[in-house]
């Protein structure tokens, strides 16, 4: 008789346990996503432009050299601030816009990376800034390159970190594109990304171009920076339009041959999201461009080689301030 009771009761207890787990997970999600929305609320400035609303923040001493910091896919002004802290540190006046479709920057029908480049120029006009150095991460690369091409008088130097540059029919690029498609799906829903970033971080990082070997080699301080990068992409729903735009907009490709801005490129050979061929193509196509290639770092190169990137980028920017 006791065996019969146990057989009947067991499914009920499983159901109760699953319900309790779901309630706890739901409560954790609501707290976490609430904090994520609070983190970005009221922290930015909005500016009207012919290209739609431009959201941005600024930081650093106003009399210091100006640097336009362009975030990657899944970012926004908040990721731009994080890049500024990681690469520039103190002593620079940085401007961090949210690109089209990210957070409160609008994405108009038919927009292109060219339009985004023109929007940067409009933003600087309104801020009264004549010329900037540019630092771009990942898929911030296309609009940064086009800004240097279309508004050469506004850019003293260009620093590209793990950036996308050109389209390709290479089989490896096909795999990278599939990862991009998967990330686009994940970034469409707050619960999906929050769950992946909370419960499946290892798999999410692999999808973002950083394998187990890269993660295993990080110091505790580097892990904290990686955690910030991943966690501060929450909430993703206000960024989803921008991620989808990045994934479908045409790349600059051979047009970058017209760039005459001094260009420094950082890239890892083992990056599986933005392949190193992007950096090699840019270095071979932009006159005078210099490539600092690292064998290891994946798409988290800005973390893995932060000290080297920071020192080289700052010196490069200083060397060309009077250009």
Foldseek 3Di string as FASTA:
>chain_A
DVVVVCVVCVVVVVVVVVVVVVVVVVVVLVVLLVVLVVVPPPQWDWDQDPQFIKIKDKDADPVAAEEEEEEAALDANVVSVLLCCLFPNHRYIYMRIGFDLAQPGHHDPPDALLSRLVVVVVVCVVVVQQAHAYEYAALSPQSQLNNLQVPVRRHLAYEYELYAAADDPDVLVVVLLVLLVVVLVQLQDQVSLVCCVVPVVQVVVVSQWAHPVLVVPADPVLVVSVNCVSSSSPPRNSRSVVSVCSSPHHGCPLVSLSRPHEYEYEHECRASNRHCVRVVSNQVRHPNYYYDYHPDQHSNVCSSVSVVSNVVVVVVCVVRVVD
